Protein backbone atom coordinates (compact mmCIF):
# COMPACT_ATOMS: atom_id res chain seq x y z
CA MET A 1 -6.76 15.99 -4.98
CA THR A 2 -10.23 15.72 -6.37
CA ALA A 3 -11.95 12.57 -6.12
CA PRO A 4 -12.55 10.34 -9.76
CA ALA A 5 -15.55 9.59 -11.19
CA GLU A 6 -17.14 6.51 -10.07
CA GLN A 7 -16.45 5.30 -13.59
CA THR A 8 -13.02 5.67 -12.93
CA LEU A 9 -13.14 4.27 -9.48
CA GLU A 10 -14.84 1.18 -11.01
CA ARG A 11 -12.40 0.77 -13.45
CA GLU A 12 -9.04 0.93 -11.35
CA LYS A 13 -10.42 -1.70 -9.23
CA ASP A 14 -8.38 -4.61 -10.49
CA LYS A 15 -5.45 -3.15 -11.53
CA LEU A 16 -2.20 -4.44 -9.91
CA TYR A 17 -0.25 -1.66 -10.17
CA LEU A 18 -1.35 1.27 -8.84
CA SER A 19 0.37 4.95 -9.26
CA ASP A 20 0.74 6.63 -5.81
CA ALA A 21 -2.31 8.58 -5.98
CA GLU A 22 -4.17 4.85 -7.01
CA LEU A 23 -2.78 3.51 -3.99
CA ILE A 24 -3.33 6.39 -1.42
CA ARG A 25 -6.81 6.74 -2.69
CA ARG A 26 -7.26 2.83 -2.54
CA ILE A 27 -5.78 2.80 0.91
CA GLY A 28 -7.82 5.77 2.48
CA VAL A 29 -5.18 7.48 4.19
CA PRO A 30 -4.98 11.10 3.38
CA GLU A 31 -2.92 12.20 0.73
CA LYS A 32 -0.63 14.76 2.53
CA VAL A 33 -0.20 12.19 5.42
CA MET A 34 0.40 8.98 3.20
CA ARG A 35 2.45 11.30 0.24
CA SER A 36 4.87 12.01 3.46
CA MET A 37 4.92 8.80 4.98
CA LEU A 38 6.00 6.58 2.11
CA PRO A 39 9.49 7.11 1.95
CA GLY A 40 9.65 6.56 5.43
CA LEU A 41 8.03 3.56 4.66
CA GLU A 42 10.45 1.86 2.46
CA LYS A 43 13.16 3.01 3.90
CA ASN A 44 12.47 1.59 7.32
CA TYR A 45 9.95 -0.66 7.17
CA ASN A 46 10.38 -2.67 3.65
CA PHE A 47 7.04 -0.59 2.20
CA PRO A 48 6.90 -2.73 -1.45
CA LYS A 49 8.94 -0.19 -3.86
CA LYS A 50 7.56 1.39 -7.29
CA SER A 51 8.51 -0.86 -10.48
CA PRO A 52 10.24 0.52 -12.84
CA LEU A 53 9.69 -2.38 -14.88
CA PHE A 54 5.77 -1.10 -14.90
CA GLY A 55 5.90 2.84 -14.85
CA GLY A 56 7.10 3.35 -11.11
CA ARG A 57 3.96 1.77 -9.82
CA ARG A 58 3.59 -0.43 -6.52
CA TYR A 59 2.04 -3.90 -7.56
CA TRP A 60 -0.62 -3.90 -5.17
CA PRO A 61 -1.36 -7.46 -3.61
CA ALA A 62 2.33 -6.95 -1.95
CA VAL A 63 1.30 -3.68 -0.82
CA LYS A 64 -2.12 -5.00 0.72
CA THR A 65 0.10 -8.07 1.90
CA TRP A 66 2.34 -5.68 3.50
CA LEU A 67 -0.48 -3.85 5.22
CA ASP A 68 -1.90 -7.24 6.51
CA ARG A 69 1.23 -7.78 8.09
CA HIS A 70 1.84 -4.98 9.54
CA ASN A 71 -1.82 -4.77 11.38
CA GLY A 72 -1.00 -8.03 12.41
CA LEU A 73 -3.60 -10.26 9.91
CA THR A 74 -1.20 -13.60 8.75
CA MET A 75 -2.09 -16.67 7.42
CA ASP A 76 -0.12 -18.82 9.17
CA PRO A 77 -1.40 -19.61 12.57
CA SER A 78 1.62 -20.83 14.38
CA LYS A 79 2.93 -17.79 13.77
CA PRO A 80 2.40 -15.24 16.54
CA ASN A 81 1.16 -11.04 15.73
CA GLN A 82 4.56 -10.26 14.31
CA ARG A 83 3.53 -6.38 14.25
CA GLY A 84 5.40 -5.34 17.32
CA SER A 85 8.31 -5.76 14.76
CA HIS A 86 7.23 -3.02 13.02
CA ASP A 87 7.07 -0.85 15.94
CA ARG A 88 9.09 1.83 16.79
């Protein structure tokens, strides 16, 4: 996958629903790695699914929240780090 033009990246930065290509670019993981991981993440780790209503795109805020939780970030100080529940 070639890198998009700077204008394209600027236009995409505020999108809420992202294609897998846009999502992968935003996350910053190599496409080859992430594309092969997505089905397993959905099936085994409750990764946000594509929305048929929005053209098979994923809701970025849900993905960001999932990533934050998976990496031990939480807005609730009373909850301990939950990362271990995702690791296998």
